[in-house]
Amino acid sequence: MPAPRYAVDWDALSVRVVFGILAGIALVFLVAPTLIVLLTSFTSSQSLRFPPPGLSLRWYIALLDADQMQRAAWTSLVVAFWTTSICVVFGTAAAIGISRGRGPMLKVFDILFMSPLVLPALAFGFAALIFINRLGLSPNIPILVLGHVIVCVPFVLRTTVAALTQLDPALLDASYSLGGGWWMTFRRVTLPLIAPGLASGAFLAFMASFDNVPVSLFLADERTEVLPIHLWQQIETNLDVRTAAVSGLIVVLTLLLMVLAEWLAGLTHQMR
C-alpha cells in the first residue's frame, strides 16, 4: 500500500536538523571570535578588554603613528604581491597542462601541486628552513616569497582548472583554423574566458600569503618582519590594543575584497 502524500520522511528531516545544528554551531565558532575582535578594536580603555567599557576610534587613529606596524604591513603587501604574481604565472601554466594533457602522470602532477594544502604549513616551514640551511642559504625575502608560492599556487591552480573545464574546445579549434598561433589563441581566446577563475585564484593566493604565519615564521630573516608575525609578537609581549585595530581593519578589508571578488569574478562559482 503506498504511503500517504502527507507522510513525513523522518529520516531525511532528522538528517537536515542535525546538519543544520552542526552548521549553526560551526558558524558561531567561526564568526564569534571575529565579532569579539571587531568590538574590542573600538575599546576606549588602555588594555584589551571584552566587553569594552566604551567605544572609541582612538586605536584606529593611533595606527597612523605606528611606524613599525606600517613597515610590517608594507613588507607583507610586497611579499603577497610577488607571491600572487608568480602563482598566477606558474598556476596558469600548470592548469593548462593538466586540463589539456592525457596520461596517468598528469594525475600525479595534479596531486603534487595540491599537496601543500594537505601538508601542515608548520611542518612545511620547518622542513623548508632545514632544506635551505643544508644548501648553505639563509632566510631572506626571495626565499620567503618562494615558500609562499609553494603553499599558495594550489589556489590559482584549482580555480583555473575549474575555469578551463568550462572552456569550449571548439573556440580554440576555430582560432587555430583561422590562422591564430598558440600565443594569439591564448591571449585572445583562452585568457579572457578563464580570467574570472584566474582572478579568483589570485585573490585567494594573495590573502593566503598576506595572512601566512607558519611559513613566514621560519623563512623570514631577523630584518624582515611581516605583519602577522609582528601582531603575534605584540600579543605575546604587551597586548597592544593597536593589534585589535589592525585585525579589525584586516577583517573589514578582507570582507570588502571578497564582495568585490564575488561581484567581478564569481568567487564561489569558480571554486565549485
Protein backbone atom coordinates (compact mmCIF):
# COMPACT_ATOMS: atom_id res chain seq x y z
CA MET A 1 0.00 0.00 0.00
CA PRO A 2 1.58 3.35 -1.00
CA ALA A 3 2.42 5.82 1.73
CA PRO A 4 0.05 8.80 2.01
CA ARG A 5 1.21 12.07 0.45
CA TYR A 6 1.28 13.88 3.73
CA ALA A 7 3.64 11.33 5.34
CA VAL A 8 6.81 12.89 6.75
CA ASP A 9 10.19 11.45 5.87
CA TRP A 10 11.52 11.48 9.43
CA ASP A 11 14.95 10.15 8.43
CA ALA A 12 15.57 12.95 5.94
CA LEU A 13 14.15 15.52 8.35
CA SER A 14 16.37 14.35 11.21
CA VAL A 15 19.44 14.47 8.94
CA ARG A 16 18.62 18.05 7.92
CA VAL A 17 18.04 19.07 11.53
CA VAL A 18 21.31 17.53 12.72
CA PHE A 19 23.31 19.10 9.89
CA GLY A 20 21.58 22.43 10.49
CA ILE A 21 22.51 22.35 14.18
CA LEU A 22 26.12 21.40 13.40
CA ALA A 23 26.35 24.13 10.76
CA GLY A 24 24.97 26.67 13.24
CA ILE A 25 27.50 25.64 15.91
CA ALA A 26 30.34 25.84 13.39
CA LEU A 27 29.15 29.26 12.24
CA VAL A 28 29.09 30.53 15.82
CA PHE A 29 32.62 29.31 16.49
CA LEU A 30 33.86 30.86 13.23
CA VAL A 31 32.07 34.21 13.42
CA ALA A 32 32.03 34.88 17.19
CA PRO A 33 35.84 35.37 17.56
CA THR A 34 35.81 37.80 14.63
CA LEU A 35 32.98 39.81 16.18
CA ILE A 36 34.83 39.89 19.51
CA VAL A 37 37.96 41.23 17.79
CA LEU A 38 35.94 43.89 15.97
CA LEU A 39 34.22 45.04 19.17
CA THR A 40 37.47 45.04 21.12
CA SER A 41 39.18 47.18 18.48
CA PHE A 42 36.75 50.02 19.31
CA THR A 43 37.53 49.96 23.03
CA SER A 44 38.23 53.19 24.84
CA SER A 45 40.42 51.56 27.52
CA GLN A 46 44.21 51.28 27.59
CA SER A 47 44.19 47.48 27.52
CA LEU A 48 42.49 44.65 25.67
CA ARG A 49 39.21 44.05 27.47
CA PHE A 50 35.97 42.41 26.48
CA PRO A 51 33.35 43.69 26.67
CA PRO A 52 34.87 47.16 26.11
CA PRO A 53 33.95 49.77 28.75
CA GLY A 54 33.34 52.30 26.00
CA LEU A 55 33.58 52.77 22.26
CA SER A 56 36.20 54.92 20.57
CA LEU A 57 38.20 55.22 17.34
CA ARG A 58 41.38 56.17 19.20
CA TRP A 59 43.25 52.96 18.37
CA TYR A 60 42.45 53.22 14.68
CA ILE A 61 43.77 56.78 14.72
CA ALA A 62 46.85 55.56 16.62
CA LEU A 63 47.70 53.33 13.63
CA LEU A 64 48.70 56.47 11.73
CA ASP A 65 51.73 56.79 14.04
CA ALA A 66 52.53 53.06 14.27
CA ASP A 67 55.63 53.13 12.06
CA GLN A 68 56.72 49.58 12.86
CA MET A 69 53.29 48.16 12.06
CA GLN A 70 53.19 50.14 8.84
CA ARG A 71 56.58 48.79 7.75
CA ALA A 72 55.48 45.25 8.59
CA ALA A 73 52.24 45.73 6.65
CA TRP A 74 54.18 47.09 3.66
CA THR A 75 56.52 44.08 3.75
CA SER A 76 53.53 41.73 3.83
CA LEU A 77 51.98 43.53 0.86
CA VAL A 78 55.21 43.30 -1.15
CA VAL A 79 55.61 39.60 -0.36
CA ALA A 80 51.95 38.91 -1.17
CA PHE A 81 52.21 40.85 -4.45
CA TRP A 82 55.21 38.91 -5.72
CA THR A 83 53.77 35.65 -4.44
CA THR A 84 50.50 36.25 -6.27
CA SER A 85 52.25 37.28 -9.49
CA ILE A 86 54.41 34.15 -9.55
CA CYS A 87 51.47 31.94 -8.57
CA VAL A 88 49.41 33.31 -11.46
CA VAL A 89 52.15 32.52 -13.99
CA PHE A 90 53.01 29.03 -12.73
CA GLY A 91 49.45 28.14 -11.71
CA THR A 92 48.05 29.07 -15.13
CA ALA A 93 50.75 27.11 -16.98
CA ALA A 94 50.20 24.06 -14.76
CA ALA A 95 46.41 24.29 -15.09
CA ILE A 96 46.60 24.39 -18.89
CA GLY A 97 48.96 21.41 -18.94
CA ILE A 98 46.80 19.38 -16.58
CA SER A 99 43.48 20.20 -18.25
CA ARG A 100 44.66 19.51 -21.81
CA GLY A 101 47.06 16.65 -21.26
CA ARG A 102 46.40 12.95 -21.15
CA GLY A 103 48.03 10.13 -19.27
CA PRO A 104 48.39 8.84 -15.70
CA MET A 105 51.31 11.17 -14.90
CA LEU A 106 49.03 14.21 -15.07
CA LYS A 107 47.10 12.88 -12.08
CA VAL A 108 50.40 12.56 -10.23
CA PHE A 109 51.33 16.15 -11.08
CA ASP A 110 47.90 17.36 -10.01
CA ILE A 111 48.27 15.65 -6.63
CA LEU A 112 51.80 17.02 -6.30
CA PHE A 113 50.69 20.59 -6.91
CA MET A 114 47.76 20.28 -4.49
CA SER A 115 49.76 18.53 -1.75
CA PRO A 116 50.67 21.81 0.08
CA LEU A 117 47.00 22.10 1.07
CA VAL A 118 47.21 18.72 2.84
CA LEU A 119 50.66 19.08 4.40
CA PRO A 120 50.61 21.12 7.65
CA ALA A 121 52.08 24.54 6.92
CA LEU A 122 54.10 24.49 10.14
CA ALA A 123 55.77 21.22 9.11
CA PHE A 124 56.48 22.61 5.64
CA GLY A 125 58.01 25.80 7.04
CA PHE A 126 60.29 23.89 9.40
CA ALA A 127 61.32 21.45 6.66
CA ALA A 128 61.97 24.32 4.23
CA LEU A 129 64.22 26.02 6.79
CA ILE A 130 66.26 22.84 7.26
CA PHE A 131 66.45 22.37 3.48
CA ILE A 132 67.78 25.86 2.71
CA ASN A 133 70.27 25.58 5.56
CA ARG A 134 71.59 22.33 4.08
CA LEU A 135 72.01 24.20 0.79
CA GLY A 136 74.07 26.85 2.53
CA LEU A 137 71.39 29.54 2.17
CA SER A 138 69.81 31.73 4.82
CA PRO A 139 66.25 33.08 5.16
CA ASN A 140 65.54 36.22 3.16
CA ILE A 141 62.69 37.83 1.22
CA PRO A 142 63.17 35.89 -2.08
CA ILE A 143 63.17 32.58 -0.20
CA LEU A 144 60.14 33.74 1.81
CA VAL A 145 58.32 34.54 -1.45
CA LEU A 146 59.28 31.13 -2.83
CA GLY A 147 57.92 29.42 0.29
CA HIS A 148 54.66 31.35 -0.02
CA VAL A 149 54.41 30.43 -3.72
CA ILE A 150 54.61 26.72 -2.89
CA VAL A 151 51.70 26.90 -0.42
CA CYS A 152 49.61 29.40 -2.42
CA VAL A 153 49.87 28.14 -6.02
CA PRO A 154 47.22 25.39 -5.42
CA PHE A 155 44.55 28.10 -5.08
CA VAL A 156 45.32 29.50 -8.53
CA LEU A 157 45.67 26.02 -9.98
CA ARG A 158 42.32 24.77 -8.71
CA THR A 159 40.22 27.76 -9.79
CA THR A 160 41.96 27.97 -13.19
CA VAL A 161 41.45 24.26 -13.86
CA ALA A 162 37.76 24.71 -12.99
CA ALA A 163 37.54 27.60 -15.47
CA LEU A 164 39.34 25.61 -18.18
CA THR A 165 36.89 22.70 -17.86
CA GLN A 166 34.09 25.11 -18.85
CA LEU A 167 36.00 26.32 -21.92
CA ASP A 168 34.56 25.10 -25.22
CA PRO A 169 37.38 23.41 -27.22
CA ALA A 170 35.61 24.43 -30.44
CA LEU A 171 36.62 28.04 -29.77
CA LEU A 172 40.28 27.06 -29.69
CA ASP A 173 39.92 24.99 -32.84
CA ALA A 174 38.25 27.92 -34.59
CA SER A 175 41.11 30.21 -33.62
CA TYR A 176 43.72 27.75 -34.91
CA SER A 177 41.80 27.20 -38.14
CA LEU A 178 41.69 30.95 -38.77
CA GLY A 179 45.47 31.18 -38.55
CA GLY A 180 45.92 32.12 -34.93
CA GLY A 181 49.00 30.71 -33.27
CA TRP A 182 49.09 29.29 -29.76
CA TRP A 183 50.09 32.63 -28.23
CA MET A 184 47.39 34.61 -30.01
CA THR A 185 44.83 31.94 -29.16
CA PHE A 186 45.85 32.04 -25.52
CA ARG A 187 45.86 35.85 -25.39
CA ARG A 188 42.67 36.48 -27.38
CA VAL A 189 40.54 33.42 -26.54
CA THR A 190 41.73 31.37 -23.58
CA LEU A 191 42.85 34.13 -21.22
CA PRO A 192 39.71 36.31 -21.44
CA LEU A 193 37.48 33.27 -20.86
CA ILE A 194 39.40 31.94 -17.85
CA ALA A 195 40.02 35.42 -16.40
CA PRO A 196 37.31 35.09 -13.69
CA GLY A 197 38.77 31.81 -12.41
CA LEU A 198 42.29 33.21 -12.60
CA ALA A 199 41.26 36.34 -10.71
CA SER A 200 39.54 34.26 -8.02
CA GLY A 201 42.65 32.14 -7.54
CA ALA A 202 44.85 35.24 -7.44
CA PHE A 203 42.66 36.74 -4.73
CA LEU A 204 42.83 33.58 -2.63
CA ALA A 205 46.61 33.34 -3.12
CA PHE A 206 47.09 36.98 -2.12
CA MET A 207 45.08 36.61 1.07
CA ALA A 208 46.75 33.30 1.95
CA SER A 209 50.19 34.88 1.51
CA PHE A 210 49.34 38.07 3.39
CA ASP A 211 47.98 36.17 6.41
CA ASN A 212 50.52 33.36 6.39
CA VAL A 213 52.21 32.74 9.74
CA PRO A 214 53.86 29.27 9.72
CA VAL A 215 55.98 29.74 6.58
CA SER A 216 56.85 33.35 7.44
CA LEU A 217 57.88 32.29 10.92
CA PHE A 218 60.66 30.06 9.57
CA LEU A 219 61.67 31.69 6.29
CA ALA A 220 61.78 35.39 7.25
CA ASP A 221 65.13 36.70 8.47
CA GLU A 222 65.67 38.87 11.53
CA ARG A 223 65.46 42.06 9.46
CA THR A 224 62.25 41.09 7.67
CA GLU A 225 59.12 41.49 9.74
CA VAL A 226 55.77 40.68 8.18
CA LEU A 227 52.53 41.88 9.69
CA PRO A 228 51.14 38.54 11.03
CA ILE A 229 54.39 37.80 12.87
CA HIS A 230 54.55 41.36 14.23
CA LEU A 231 50.99 41.14 15.55
CA TRP A 232 51.72 37.77 17.11
CA GLN A 233 54.77 39.16 18.91
CA GLN A 234 52.82 42.18 20.13
CA ILE A 235 50.06 40.00 21.57
CA GLU A 236 52.66 37.75 23.25
CA THR A 237 54.58 40.60 24.89
CA ASN A 238 52.41 43.59 25.79
CA LEU A 239 48.86 43.04 24.43
CA ASP A 240 48.96 46.26 22.42
CA VAL A 241 45.39 47.36 21.70
CA ARG A 242 46.51 48.51 18.26
CA THR A 243 46.76 44.85 17.27
CA ALA A 244 42.99 44.58 17.64
CA ALA A 245 42.58 47.68 15.46
CA VAL A 246 44.85 46.21 12.77
CA SER A 247 42.98 42.90 12.96
CA GLY A 248 39.65 44.68 12.63
CA LEU A 249 40.96 46.62 9.65
CA ILE A 250 42.15 43.39 8.01
CA VAL A 251 38.77 41.73 8.61
CA VAL A 252 36.85 44.63 7.07
CA LEU A 253 39.17 44.93 4.06
CA THR A 254 39.03 41.17 3.50
CA LEU A 255 35.24 41.21 3.52
CA LEU A 256 35.20 44.12 1.07
CA LEU A 257 37.66 42.32 -1.22
CA MET A 258 35.59 39.12 -1.02
CA VAL A 259 32.44 41.02 -2.00
CA LEU A 260 34.37 42.66 -4.86
CA ALA A 261 35.78 39.31 -6.00
CA GLU A 262 32.32 37.73 -5.87
CA TRP A 263 30.84 40.60 -7.86
CA LEU A 264 33.55 40.75 -10.52
CA ALA A 265 34.72 37.14 -10.79
CA GLY A 266 32.06 34.99 -9.12
CA LEU A 267 34.41 33.61 -6.45
CA THR A 268 32.08 30.95 -5.07
CA HIS A 269 31.15 29.76 -8.57
CA GLN A 270 34.79 29.40 -9.58
CA MET A 271 35.57 27.27 -6.50
CA ARG A 272 32.95 24.62 -7.34
